[in-house]
Amino acid sequence: MGKKGIRAVCAALFLTAALLSACQKKASGWSGWRTDFDKACKEAAKKEKNILLLFTGEDWDGKTPAFRTSVLESKEFRAIAKQYVLLHIDFSQAEFALTDIGDDASAEQQRQAKEIEAEYEKREDLADTYNLTQYPSFYILSPEGYLLARFPYERESIGTTAELAEKLAELGDTIAAKEALIAAVRTSGGLERVQAIDALFEDTAPECRACLAPLAAEVPQLDARNESGLLGKYELWNAYIRMQKALRKDMDRDSSIQLLIDAAESGHLDGELRQEAYYTAAYLLAALGSQDFDRLFTLLQLAQDAAPESPHLQYIDRMRDALNLMKADAIGEGISPEDEESGPAHGRE
């Protein structure tokens, strides 16, 4: 949910009416629901409870207001609430509209806009961490913030408190299994901890593994000699995380993607992991607008040479064919690599 996307749907007349409601919302929030992720984690650890996280776009998603009234504010929901620390992360337009201020804004308006913008950036980081794709959506987290389960809200299947309770109950075995893996991480050290981290990592959906970044970052320190054989895997994954953060923070494209290349050239990656790193670097550079075809073809050749017997060579060949077409088009338009600029900014719109 970037700035341009939100601003596009916020009409000028809406801004004035939003001021009071947004301030009230920010001050109070939902009764019983936390709005700060770190504080929710601390409370969950203290109370030995899991976190029930709900992402919403309350004033635009078309579902949350009715769901809140009929389910979340019902007496029956209190029994569910007692089992969790409740965390609500909202992306309402009314509040964010207050960041769109003019040059003549007062000092107080500027202060408020900066505060809200910083808060929304934190929320966007959290949404990215858990790969939020649908509003509203529930996530069940351990006190550390590790993902236990997730599901989107659907009016047809979770229209009542009883149906929500039933959905949560259905996830009981899945959550218990994941909690056992997390318990193994908590109670282990050294190489045993590396293996426990890897078991949890593999059991977590790939698109949601960013929540395990602190654990993945431990592996190089826990197993510097690569006795587990897993060091290269986590060196590459940690490079992915650093690259994604760099791109979101508007670091230049080439420097961000160089992190993958560095991992391939200086880490403990085996042939197929080096192939993945080089191929991904080439793919992302092309996707982000690079027309430095010499560099792109070189990366693809490095990918091919890293694992010449890999079953993934077909993808390298396909990309090489696509680059040849792109290069022909560029030459036809009179573009040379020397004319290339640094490429489009990537990250929050």
Protein backbone atom coordinates (compact mmCIF):
# COMPACT_ATOMS: atom_id res chain seq x y z
CA MET A 1 0.00 0.00 0.00
CA GLY A 2 2.26 2.81 -1.23
CA LYS A 3 1.77 6.55 -1.22
CA LYS A 4 0.61 6.83 -4.81
CA GLY A 5 -1.91 4.02 -4.42
CA ILE A 6 -3.45 5.60 -1.37
CA ARG A 7 -3.38 9.15 -2.67
CA ALA A 8 -5.09 8.11 -5.86
CA VAL A 9 -8.21 7.16 -3.96
CA CYS A 10 -8.25 10.11 -1.56
CA ALA A 11 -10.21 13.04 -2.96
CA ALA A 12 -9.34 16.54 -1.83
CA LEU A 13 -12.69 17.06 -0.12
CA PHE A 14 -12.16 13.89 1.90
CA LEU A 15 -9.07 15.30 3.58
CA THR A 16 -10.84 17.81 5.79
CA ALA A 17 -13.39 15.31 7.06
CA ALA A 18 -10.60 12.78 7.67
CA LEU A 19 -8.71 14.97 10.10
CA LEU A 20 -10.86 14.48 13.17
CA SER A 21 -11.73 10.83 12.57
CA ALA A 22 -8.12 9.87 11.92
CA CYS A 23 -6.88 11.62 15.04
CA GLN A 24 -9.54 9.93 17.15
CA LYS A 25 -8.75 6.52 15.62
CA LYS A 26 -5.04 6.93 16.19
CA ALA A 27 -5.55 7.94 19.78
CA SER A 28 -7.91 5.16 20.77
CA GLY A 29 -7.80 2.23 18.34
CA TRP A 30 -10.06 -0.76 18.90
CA SER A 31 -10.85 -1.67 22.47
CA GLY A 32 -8.68 -4.55 23.62
CA TRP A 33 -6.53 -4.57 20.48
CA ARG A 34 -2.87 -3.55 20.47
CA THR A 35 -1.48 -1.52 17.56
CA ASP A 36 2.26 -1.86 18.24
CA PHE A 37 3.90 -5.09 17.06
CA ASP A 38 6.86 -5.01 19.43
CA LYS A 39 4.69 -4.33 22.47
CA ALA A 40 2.32 -7.12 21.44
CA CYS A 41 5.25 -9.55 21.25
CA LYS A 42 6.48 -8.56 24.69
CA GLU A 43 3.01 -8.97 26.16
CA ALA A 44 2.57 -12.33 24.45
CA ALA A 45 5.89 -13.57 25.86
CA LYS A 46 4.96 -12.39 29.35
CA LYS A 47 1.50 -13.98 29.25
CA GLU A 48 2.68 -17.05 27.30
CA LYS A 49 0.05 -16.51 24.62
CA ASN A 50 0.10 -16.41 20.85
CA ILE A 51 -0.76 -13.26 18.91
CA LEU A 52 -3.90 -12.93 16.81
CA LEU A 53 -2.93 -10.35 14.20
CA LEU A 54 -5.57 -8.78 11.98
CA PHE A 55 -4.63 -6.62 8.98
CA THR A 56 -7.40 -4.34 7.71
CA GLY A 57 -8.13 -1.39 5.48
CA GLU A 58 -11.06 -0.37 7.63
CA ASP A 59 -12.38 2.54 5.63
CA TRP A 60 -11.91 1.01 2.16
CA ASP A 61 -11.78 -2.81 2.21
CA GLY A 62 -15.57 -3.09 2.27
CA LYS A 63 -15.59 -5.88 4.87
CA THR A 64 -14.05 -4.78 8.13
CA PRO A 65 -16.76 -2.47 9.55
CA ALA A 66 -19.52 -5.08 9.38
CA PHE A 67 -17.18 -7.86 10.55
CA ARG A 68 -16.02 -5.75 13.46
CA THR A 69 -19.57 -5.01 14.56
CA SER A 70 -21.03 -8.48 14.13
CA VAL A 71 -18.08 -10.59 15.27
CA LEU A 72 -15.17 -8.77 16.88
CA GLU A 73 -17.34 -6.65 19.18
CA SER A 74 -19.75 -9.46 20.08
CA LYS A 75 -19.91 -10.91 23.59
CA GLU A 76 -19.05 -14.31 22.17
CA PHE A 77 -15.72 -13.02 20.84
CA ARG A 78 -14.50 -12.39 24.39
CA ALA A 79 -13.82 -16.10 24.84
CA ILE A 80 -11.56 -16.05 21.78
CA ALA A 81 -9.88 -12.82 22.84
CA LYS A 82 -8.82 -14.33 26.18
CA GLN A 83 -6.70 -16.90 24.37
CA TYR A 84 -4.57 -14.38 22.46
CA VAL A 85 -2.86 -11.04 22.52
CA LEU A 86 -4.87 -9.12 19.94
CA LEU A 87 -2.98 -6.99 17.41
CA HIS A 88 -4.68 -4.76 14.83
CA ILE A 89 -2.70 -3.24 11.94
CA ASP A 90 -4.86 -0.93 9.86
CA PHE A 91 -4.20 0.79 6.53
CA SER A 92 -7.05 3.29 6.48
CA GLN A 93 -6.99 6.01 3.87
CA ALA A 94 -8.34 8.68 6.20
CA GLU A 95 -5.31 8.57 8.45
CA PHE A 96 -2.74 8.38 5.68
CA ALA A 97 -4.39 11.24 3.80
CA LEU A 98 -3.09 13.53 6.53
CA THR A 99 0.45 13.09 5.18
CA ASP A 100 -0.53 14.82 1.92
CA ILE A 101 0.01 18.38 3.10
CA GLY A 102 0.89 21.56 1.24
CA ASP A 103 3.90 23.82 1.54
CA ASP A 104 1.88 26.18 3.73
CA ALA A 105 1.12 23.50 6.33
CA SER A 106 1.62 24.49 9.95
CA ALA A 107 4.43 23.09 12.06
CA GLU A 108 1.91 20.89 13.87
CA GLN A 109 0.54 19.53 10.58
CA GLN A 110 4.08 18.79 9.38
CA ARG A 111 4.90 17.03 12.64
CA GLN A 112 1.74 14.97 12.46
CA ALA A 113 2.33 14.07 8.80
CA LYS A 114 5.86 12.85 9.53
CA GLU A 115 4.64 10.83 12.49
CA ILE A 116 1.89 9.14 10.50
CA GLU A 117 4.19 8.49 7.55
CA ALA A 118 6.76 6.82 9.82
CA GLU A 119 4.03 4.72 11.43
CA TYR A 120 2.70 3.62 8.05
CA GLU A 121 6.19 2.65 6.93
CA LYS A 122 6.41 0.36 9.96
CA ARG A 123 3.05 -1.14 9.07
CA GLU A 124 4.15 -1.68 5.47
CA ASP A 125 7.30 -3.42 6.67
CA LEU A 126 5.13 -5.72 8.78
CA ALA A 127 2.76 -6.41 5.88
CA ASP A 128 5.75 -7.26 3.66
CA THR A 129 7.19 -9.53 6.33
CA TYR A 130 4.05 -11.67 6.35
CA ASN A 131 3.35 -11.30 2.62
CA LEU A 132 -0.02 -9.65 3.11
CA THR A 133 -2.05 -9.97 -0.09
CA GLN A 134 -5.68 -9.68 1.01
CA TYR A 135 -7.61 -7.42 3.36
CA PRO A 136 -8.78 -8.29 5.95
CA SER A 137 -6.50 -11.19 6.88
CA PHE A 138 -5.72 -13.02 10.12
CA TYR A 139 -2.27 -14.23 11.15
CA ILE A 140 -1.53 -16.30 14.23
CA LEU A 141 1.98 -15.64 15.51
CA SER A 142 4.18 -16.99 18.26
CA PRO A 143 5.36 -14.50 20.89
CA GLU A 144 8.54 -14.08 18.80
CA GLY A 145 6.46 -13.17 15.75
CA TYR A 146 7.02 -16.47 13.92
CA LEU A 147 4.13 -17.46 11.69
CA LEU A 148 1.92 -20.27 13.01
CA ALA A 149 -1.03 -19.98 10.63
CA ARG A 150 -2.86 -17.46 8.45
CA PHE A 151 -6.16 -17.10 6.68
CA PRO A 152 -8.07 -14.32 4.93
CA TYR A 153 -11.43 -13.15 6.21
CA GLU A 154 -14.25 -14.32 3.97
CA ARG A 155 -17.78 -13.16 4.76
CA GLU A 156 -19.26 -16.42 3.48
CA SER A 157 -17.23 -18.66 5.79
CA ILE A 158 -16.49 -16.44 8.81
CA GLY A 159 -19.65 -14.41 9.09
CA THR A 160 -20.26 -15.22 12.74
CA THR A 161 -18.21 -15.53 15.90
CA ALA A 162 -18.95 -19.26 15.99
CA GLU A 163 -17.54 -19.66 12.48
CA LEU A 164 -14.40 -17.75 13.45
CA ALA A 165 -13.98 -19.98 16.51
CA GLU A 166 -14.43 -23.04 14.32
CA LYS A 167 -11.80 -21.80 11.86
CA LEU A 168 -9.30 -21.24 14.67
CA ALA A 169 -10.04 -24.70 16.09
CA GLU A 170 -9.42 -26.29 12.69
CA LEU A 171 -5.91 -24.85 12.75
CA GLY A 172 -5.13 -26.42 16.13
CA ASP A 173 -3.03 -29.33 14.84
CA THR A 174 -1.12 -27.13 12.40
CA ILE A 175 -0.34 -24.63 15.15
CA ALA A 176 0.69 -27.34 17.62
CA ALA A 177 3.12 -28.83 15.11
CA LYS A 178 4.64 -25.42 14.40
CA GLU A 179 4.89 -24.67 18.14
CA ALA A 180 6.85 -27.88 18.62
CA LEU A 181 9.37 -26.71 16.02
CA ILE A 182 9.63 -23.31 17.70
CA ALA A 183 10.12 -24.96 21.09
CA ALA A 184 13.05 -26.90 19.63
CA VAL A 185 14.63 -23.63 18.50
CA ARG A 186 14.12 -22.05 21.93
CA THR A 187 15.76 -24.90 23.82
CA SER A 188 18.70 -25.71 21.57
CA GLY A 189 22.13 -24.28 20.89
CA GLY A 190 25.06 -24.69 18.52
CA LEU A 191 24.61 -27.05 15.59
CA GLU A 192 21.44 -28.43 17.13
CA ARG A 193 19.96 -24.94 16.98
CA VAL A 194 21.01 -24.63 13.33
CA GLN A 195 19.11 -27.82 12.54
CA ALA A 196 16.09 -26.61 14.52
CA ILE A 197 16.11 -23.29 12.69
CA ASP A 198 16.27 -25.10 9.37
CA ALA A 199 13.34 -27.36 10.28
CA LEU A 200 11.22 -24.32 11.15
CA PHE A 201 12.40 -22.50 8.03
CA GLU A 202 11.40 -25.39 5.77
CA ASP A 203 8.02 -25.71 7.47
CA THR A 204 7.23 -22.02 6.88
CA ALA A 205 5.69 -20.90 3.58
CA PRO A 206 8.53 -19.48 1.42
CA GLU A 207 6.72 -16.20 0.89
CA CYS A 208 6.45 -15.69 4.67
CA ARG A 209 9.96 -16.64 5.75
CA ALA A 210 10.97 -13.02 6.28
CA CYS A 211 9.57 -13.32 9.80
CA LEU A 212 12.40 -15.79 10.47
CA ALA A 213 15.10 -13.33 9.40
CA PRO A 214 16.55 -12.94 12.94
CA LEU A 215 16.95 -16.72 13.18
CA ALA A 216 18.44 -17.06 9.70
CA ALA A 217 20.97 -14.37 10.57
CA GLU A 218 22.22 -16.53 13.46
CA VAL A 219 23.28 -19.45 11.27
CA PRO A 220 26.59 -17.97 10.01
CA GLN A 221 27.64 -17.33 13.62
CA LEU A 222 26.42 -20.68 14.92
CA ASP A 223 28.08 -22.70 12.16
CA ALA A 224 30.98 -20.67 10.78
CA ARG A 225 32.74 -23.89 9.70
CA ASN A 226 29.69 -25.15 7.81
CA GLU A 227 29.57 -28.42 9.74
CA SER A 228 25.83 -28.61 9.07
CA GLY A 229 26.23 -28.08 5.33
CA LEU A 230 23.57 -25.36 5.60
CA LEU A 231 25.78 -22.28 5.75
CA GLY A 232 25.59 -21.45 2.04
CA LYS A 233 21.81 -21.78 2.04
CA TYR A 234 21.47 -19.15 4.76
CA GLU A 235 24.19 -16.89 3.39
CA LEU A 236 22.15 -16.65 0.19
CA TRP A 237 18.85 -16.23 2.00
CA ASN A 238 20.30 -13.49 4.23
CA ALA A 239 21.54 -11.78 1.07
CA TYR A 240 18.00 -11.88 -0.32
CA ILE A 241 16.68 -10.18 2.81
CA ARG A 242 19.37 -7.48 2.76
CA MET A 243 18.74 -6.89 -0.93
CA GLN A 244 14.98 -6.54 -0.45
CA LYS A 245 15.47 -4.07 2.40
CA ALA A 246 17.98 -2.08 0.36
CA LEU A 247 15.61 -1.83 -2.59
CA ARG A 248 12.73 -0.77 -0.35
CA LYS A 249 14.91 1.90 1.24
CA ASP A 250 15.72 3.23 -2.25
CA MET A 251 19.34 2.12 -2.37
CA ASP A 252 20.44 2.12 -6.00
CA ARG A 253 19.51 -0.94 -8.00
CA ASP A 254 22.99 -2.18 -8.88
CA SER A 255 24.38 -1.96 -5.34
CA SER A 256 21.35 -3.77 -3.93
CA ILE A 257 21.56 -6.68 -6.37
CA GLN A 258 25.33 -6.85 -5.96
CA LEU A 259 24.58 -8.39 -2.55
CA LEU A 260 23.43 -11.57 -4.33
CA ILE A 261 26.52 -11.63 -6.52
CA ASP A 262 28.77 -11.16 -3.48
CA ALA A 263 27.08 -14.10 -1.78
CA ALA A 264 27.73 -16.27 -4.84
CA GLU A 265 31.38 -15.27 -5.09
CA SER A 266 32.49 -15.12 -1.47
CA GLY A 267 30.16 -17.44 0.40
CA HIS A 268 29.82 -21.18 0.97
CA LEU A 269 27.23 -21.76 -1.75
CA ASP A 270 27.26 -25.00 -3.69
CA GLY A 271 26.91 -25.01 -7.47
CA GLU A 272 23.12 -24.88 -7.65
CA LEU A 273 22.90 -22.12 -5.04
CA ARG A 274 25.50 -20.06 -6.94
CA GLN A 275 23.48 -20.68 -10.08
CA GLU A 276 20.36 -19.42 -8.33
CA ALA A 277 22.17 -16.31 -7.07
CA TYR A 278 23.59 -15.35 -10.48
CA TYR A 279 20.36 -16.11 -12.32
CA THR A 280 18.26 -14.15 -9.84
CA ALA A 281 20.64 -11.19 -10.03
CA ALA A 282 20.35 -11.15 -13.83
CA TYR A 283 16.58 -11.57 -13.72
CA LEU A 284 16.09 -8.73 -11.24
CA LEU A 285 18.46 -6.38 -13.04
CA ALA A 286 16.54 -6.91 -16.27
CA ALA A 287 13.17 -6.61 -14.53
CA LEU A 288 14.26 -3.32 -12.96
CA GLY A 289 15.22 -1.81 -16.28
CA SER A 290 18.89 -2.56 -16.80
CA GLN A 291 20.03 -2.56 -20.43
CA ASP A 292 23.63 -3.38 -19.63
CA PHE A 293 23.37 -6.49 -21.79
CA ASP A 294 27.04 -7.42 -21.47
CA ARG A 295 26.64 -7.67 -17.72
CA LEU A 296 23.35 -9.53 -17.97
CA PHE A 297 24.76 -12.12 -20.38
CA THR A 298 27.85 -12.50 -18.19
CA LEU A 299 25.68 -13.26 -15.15
CA LEU A 300 23.72 -15.85 -17.11
CA GLN A 301 26.95 -17.51 -18.23
CA LEU A 302 28.17 -17.58 -14.63
CA ALA A 303 24.87 -19.16 -13.65
CA GLN A 304 25.25 -21.82 -16.33
CA ASP A 305 28.88 -22.55 -15.42
CA ALA A 306 28.08 -22.85 -11.72
CA ALA A 307 26.02 -26.00 -12.27
CA PRO A 308 26.28 -27.17 -15.88
CA GLU A 309 24.28 -30.33 -15.19
CA SER A 310 21.46 -28.53 -13.38
CA PRO A 311 17.88 -29.27 -14.42
CA HIS A 312 17.24 -25.52 -14.35
CA LEU A 313 19.36 -24.66 -17.38
CA GLN A 314 16.20 -24.31 -19.46
CA TYR A 315 15.30 -21.16 -17.52
CA ILE A 316 18.71 -19.68 -18.22
CA ASP A 317 18.28 -20.42 -21.93
CA ARG A 318 14.84 -18.83 -21.96
CA MET A 319 16.12 -15.70 -20.30
CA ARG A 320 19.06 -15.51 -22.69
CA ASP A 321 16.60 -15.66 -25.61
CA ALA A 322 14.47 -12.94 -24.03
CA LEU A 323 17.53 -10.72 -23.51
CA ASN A 324 18.53 -11.15 -27.13
CA LEU A 325 15.12 -9.87 -28.17
CA MET A 326 15.38 -6.96 -25.71
CA LYS A 327 18.84 -6.12 -27.01
CA ALA A 328 17.60 -6.12 -30.60
CA ASP A 329 14.77 -3.79 -29.65
CA ALA A 330 17.16 -1.49 -27.80
CA ILE A 331 19.50 -1.32 -30.75
CA GLY A 332 16.54 -0.59 -33.02
CA GLU A 333 15.59 2.33 -30.79
CA GLY A 334 19.14 3.63 -30.75
CA ILE A 335 19.80 2.80 -27.07
CA SER A 336 23.23 1.65 -26.00
CA PRO A 337 24.39 0.46 -22.57
CA GLU A 338 26.41 3.67 -22.27
CA ASP A 339 23.15 5.64 -22.40
CA GLU A 340 21.63 3.69 -19.54
CA GLU A 341 20.77 5.56 -16.38
CA SER A 342 20.71 4.04 -12.94
CA GLY A 343 17.25 2.54 -13.55
CA PRO A 344 13.90 3.08 -11.91
CA ALA A 345 13.60 3.48 -8.19
CA HIS A 346 12.22 0.40 -6.50
CA GLY A 347 10.40 0.09 -3.21
CA ARG A 348 7.48 1.96 -1.74
CA GLU A 349 5.56 3.94 -4.33
